[in-house]
Amino acid sequence: MPTVTPPELPRFIVNASGKYKYVFTYKNRWDKEAKRSTRTKGDTSSVGKLIPVEGKPDCGEILFNEAFKKKYPQLRLLRVFRYKGGKLEFKPIDEDEVNVLRSGEIVRLHGGAA
């Protein structure tokens, strides 16, 4: 049984457009004039759609587009679930043939003025 290590993915943000939700990568830049972090349109790129998971209101499955799968080929063997708060969970598409090797738990914290 082959083992797949989940890739180290960039940060994601979900934007809703009507009844559909799309997943984007993003980068923050420091705005010297405003003295705060901002996200500009040129720094985001679409990676796929977020499909709601039945019975789990705070969870959705990310369906990645082909261009993003080319960058991270391990995603062809994995299903990726995104929970509220940005936590990602990786599960094999075919649980009988692929084993997922989980790395240490990653905690992402965001800070800023309230």
C-alpha atoms as a PDB file:
ATOM      1  CA  MET A   1       0.000   0.000   0.000  1.00  0.00           C
ATOM      2  CA  PRO A   2       1.693   3.263  -1.092  1.00  0.00           C
ATOM      3  CA  THR A   3       1.936   6.152   1.332  1.00  0.00           C
ATOM      4  CA  VAL A   4       1.180   9.734   0.269  1.00  0.00           C
ATOM      5  CA  THR A   5       2.415  12.749   2.210  1.00  0.00           C
ATOM      6  CA  PRO A   6       0.004  15.692   1.954  1.00  0.00           C
ATOM      7  CA  PRO A   7       1.652  18.662   0.230  1.00  0.00           C
ATOM      8  CA  GLU A   8       2.459  21.910   1.996  1.00  0.00           C
ATOM      9  CA  LEU A   9      -0.289  24.082   0.501  1.00  0.00           C
ATOM     10  CA  PRO A  10      -0.423  27.894   0.432  1.00  0.00           C
ATOM     11  CA  ARG A  11      -2.994  29.822   2.465  1.00  0.00           C
ATOM     12  CA  PHE A  12      -6.572  29.725   1.154  1.00  0.00           C
ATOM     13  CA  ILE A  13      -9.487  32.126   1.294  1.00  0.00           C
ATOM     14  CA  VAL A  14     -13.071  31.326   0.248  1.00  0.00           C
ATOM     15  CA  ASN A  15     -15.132  33.836  -1.736  1.00  0.00           C
ATOM     16  CA  ALA A  16     -18.832  33.331  -2.417  1.00  0.00           C
ATOM     17  CA  SER A  17     -20.411  34.353  -5.700  1.00  0.00           C
ATOM     18  CA  GLY A  18     -24.130  33.654  -5.653  1.00  0.00           C
ATOM     19  CA  LYS A  19     -24.678  30.027  -4.694  1.00  0.00           C
ATOM     20  CA  TYR A  20     -21.098  28.978  -5.542  1.00  0.00           C
ATOM     21  CA  LYS A  21     -18.003  29.247  -3.348  1.00  0.00           C
ATOM     22  CA  TYR A  22     -14.541  29.518  -4.860  1.00  0.00           C
ATOM     23  CA  VAL A  23     -11.176  28.895  -3.206  1.00  0.00           C
ATOM     24  CA  PHE A  24      -8.260  31.290  -3.810  1.00  0.00           C
ATOM     25  CA  THR A  25      -4.652  31.499  -2.684  1.00  0.00           C
ATOM     26  CA  TYR A  26      -3.563  34.862  -1.358  1.00  0.00           C
ATOM     27  CA  LYS A  27      -0.598  36.852  -0.139  1.00  0.00           C
ATOM     28  CA  ASN A  28      -0.628  39.816   2.185  1.00  0.00           C
ATOM     29  CA  ARG A  29       1.508  42.870   1.498  1.00  0.00           C
ATOM     30  CA  TRP A  30       2.480  45.628   3.889  1.00  0.00           C
ATOM     31  CA  ASP A  31       1.051  49.016   2.902  1.00  0.00           C
ATOM     32  CA  LYS A  32       3.553  51.599   4.172  1.00  0.00           C
ATOM     33  CA  GLU A  33       1.166  54.526   3.767  1.00  0.00           C
ATOM     34  CA  ALA A  34      -1.770  52.943   5.590  1.00  0.00           C
ATOM     35  CA  LYS A  35       0.587  51.087   7.953  1.00  0.00           C
ATOM     36  CA  ARG A  36      -1.350  47.845   7.718  1.00  0.00           C
ATOM     37  CA  SER A  37      -1.400  44.583   5.845  1.00  0.00           C
ATOM     38  CA  THR A  38      -3.514  44.431   2.667  1.00  0.00           C
ATOM     39  CA  ARG A  39      -4.429  41.858   0.045  1.00  0.00           C
ATOM     40  CA  THR A  40      -4.532  43.074  -3.557  1.00  0.00           C
ATOM     41  CA  LYS A  41      -6.208  41.514  -6.586  1.00  0.00           C
ATOM     42  CA  GLY A  42      -2.879  40.686  -8.246  1.00  0.00           C
ATOM     43  CA  ASP A  43      -1.888  38.513  -5.290  1.00  0.00           C
ATOM     44  CA  THR A  44      -4.824  36.080  -5.492  1.00  0.00           C
ATOM     45  CA  SER A  45      -5.392  33.157  -7.864  1.00  0.00           C
ATOM     46  CA  SER A  46      -8.244  30.671  -8.110  1.00  0.00           C
ATOM     47  CA  VAL A  47      -7.506  27.046  -7.211  1.00  0.00           C
ATOM     48  CA  GLY A  48     -10.981  25.481  -7.364  1.00  0.00           C
ATOM     49  CA  LYS A  49     -14.463  25.255  -5.856  1.00  0.00           C
ATOM     50  CA  LEU A  50     -15.695  24.543  -2.342  1.00  0.00           C
ATOM     51  CA  ILE A  51     -18.547  22.020  -2.292  1.00  0.00           C
ATOM     52  CA  PRO A  52     -20.550  21.690   0.971  1.00  0.00           C
ATOM     53  CA  VAL A  53     -20.387  18.316   2.733  1.00  0.00           C
ATOM     54  CA  GLU A  54     -23.794  16.917   3.594  1.00  0.00           C
ATOM     55  CA  GLY A  55     -24.396  16.696   7.338  1.00  0.00           C
ATOM     56  CA  LYS A  56     -21.436  18.956   8.204  1.00  0.00           C
ATOM     57  CA  PRO A  57     -22.406  22.637   8.001  1.00  0.00           C
ATOM     58  CA  ASP A  58     -18.896  23.855   8.885  1.00  0.00           C
ATOM     59  CA  CYS A  59     -17.092  21.664   6.324  1.00  0.00           C
ATOM     60  CA  GLY A  60     -16.612  21.704   2.558  1.00  0.00           C
ATOM     61  CA  GLU A  61     -14.632  19.633   0.068  1.00  0.00           C
ATOM     62  CA  ILE A  62     -12.226  21.517  -2.189  1.00  0.00           C
ATOM     63  CA  LEU A  63     -12.333  20.448  -5.844  1.00  0.00           C
ATOM     64  CA  PHE A  64      -9.035  21.704  -7.262  1.00  0.00           C
ATOM     65  CA  ASN A  65      -8.664  22.784 -10.884  1.00  0.00           C
ATOM     66  CA  GLU A  66      -6.171  21.017 -13.163  1.00  0.00           C
ATOM     67  CA  ALA A  67      -3.610  23.847 -13.152  1.00  0.00           C
ATOM     68  CA  PHE A  68      -3.329  23.644  -9.345  1.00  0.00           C
ATOM     69  CA  LYS A  69      -3.119  19.830  -9.436  1.00  0.00           C
ATOM     70  CA  LYS A  70      -0.140  20.119 -11.791  1.00  0.00           C
ATOM     71  CA  LYS A  71       1.711  22.141  -9.124  1.00  0.00           C
ATOM     72  CA  TYR A  72       0.811  19.610  -6.397  1.00  0.00           C
ATOM     73  CA  PRO A  73       0.471  16.143  -8.024  1.00  0.00           C
ATOM     74  CA  GLN A  74      -0.231  14.441  -4.647  1.00  0.00           C
ATOM     75  CA  LEU A  75      -3.693  16.046  -4.739  1.00  0.00           C
ATOM     76  CA  ARG A  76      -4.728  13.587  -7.475  1.00  0.00           C
ATOM     77  CA  LEU A  77      -4.766  10.848  -4.802  1.00  0.00           C
ATOM     78  CA  LEU A  78      -6.287  12.899  -1.966  1.00  0.00           C
ATOM     79  CA  ARG A  79      -9.590  14.494  -1.033  1.00  0.00           C
ATOM     80  CA  VAL A  80      -9.174  17.793   0.798  1.00  0.00           C
ATOM     81  CA  PHE A  81     -11.755  19.025   3.291  1.00  0.00           C
ATOM     82  CA  ARG A  82     -11.711  22.576   4.647  1.00  0.00           C
ATOM     83  CA  TYR A  83     -13.303  23.288   8.013  1.00  0.00           C
ATOM     84  CA  LYS A  84     -14.440  26.620   9.399  1.00  0.00           C
ATOM     85  CA  GLY A  85     -11.350  28.473  10.568  1.00  0.00           C
ATOM     86  CA  GLY A  86      -9.200  27.202   7.684  1.00  0.00           C
ATOM     87  CA  LYS A  87      -8.200  23.765   9.016  1.00  0.00           C
ATOM     88  CA  LEU A  88      -7.513  21.288   6.189  1.00  0.00           C
ATOM     89  CA  GLU A  89      -8.067  17.532   6.395  1.00  0.00           C
ATOM     90  CA  PHE A  90      -6.625  15.104   3.853  1.00  0.00           C
ATOM     91  CA  LYS A  91      -8.262  11.761   3.083  1.00  0.00           C
ATOM     92  CA  PRO A  92      -7.303   9.268   0.364  1.00  0.00           C
ATOM     93  CA  ILE A  93      -9.698   8.962  -2.577  1.00  0.00           C
ATOM     94  CA  ASP A  94      -9.381   5.168  -2.475  1.00  0.00           C
ATOM     95  CA  GLU A  95      -8.796   4.202   1.168  1.00  0.00           C
ATOM     96  CA  ASP A  96      -7.892   0.600   0.274  1.00  0.00           C
ATOM     97  CA  GLU A  97      -4.960   1.571  -1.962  1.00  0.00           C
ATOM     98  CA  VAL A  98      -3.426   4.720  -0.453  1.00  0.00           C
ATOM     99  CA  ASN A  99      -2.294   5.564   3.067  1.00  0.00           C
ATOM    100  CA  VAL A 100      -1.956   9.212   4.175  1.00  0.00           C
ATOM    101  CA  LEU A 101       1.140  10.072   6.203  1.00  0.00           C
ATOM    102  CA  ARG A 102       0.156  12.964   8.449  1.00  0.00           C
ATOM    103  CA  SER A 103       2.778  15.451   9.521  1.00  0.00           C
ATOM    104  CA  GLY A 104       2.754  17.334  12.826  1.00  0.00           C
ATOM    105  CA  GLU A 105      -0.268  19.479  13.658  1.00  0.00           C
ATOM    106  CA  ILE A 106       0.073  23.020  12.318  1.00  0.00           C
ATOM    107  CA  VAL A 107      -1.556  25.917  14.116  1.00  0.00           C
ATOM    108  CA  ARG A 108      -2.003  29.120  12.105  1.00  0.00           C
ATOM    109  CA  LEU A 109      -2.642  32.268  14.067  1.00  0.00           C
ATOM    110  CA  HIS A 110      -3.598  35.662  12.673  1.00  0.00           C
ATOM    111  CA  GLY A 111      -3.061  38.885  14.555  1.00  0.00           C
ATOM    112  CA  GLY A 112      -4.066  42.446  14.051  1.00  0.00           C
ATOM    113  CA  ALA A 113      -5.797  45.429  15.517  1.00  0.00           C
ATOM    114  CA  ALA A 114      -9.333  44.936  16.768  1.00  0.00           C
END
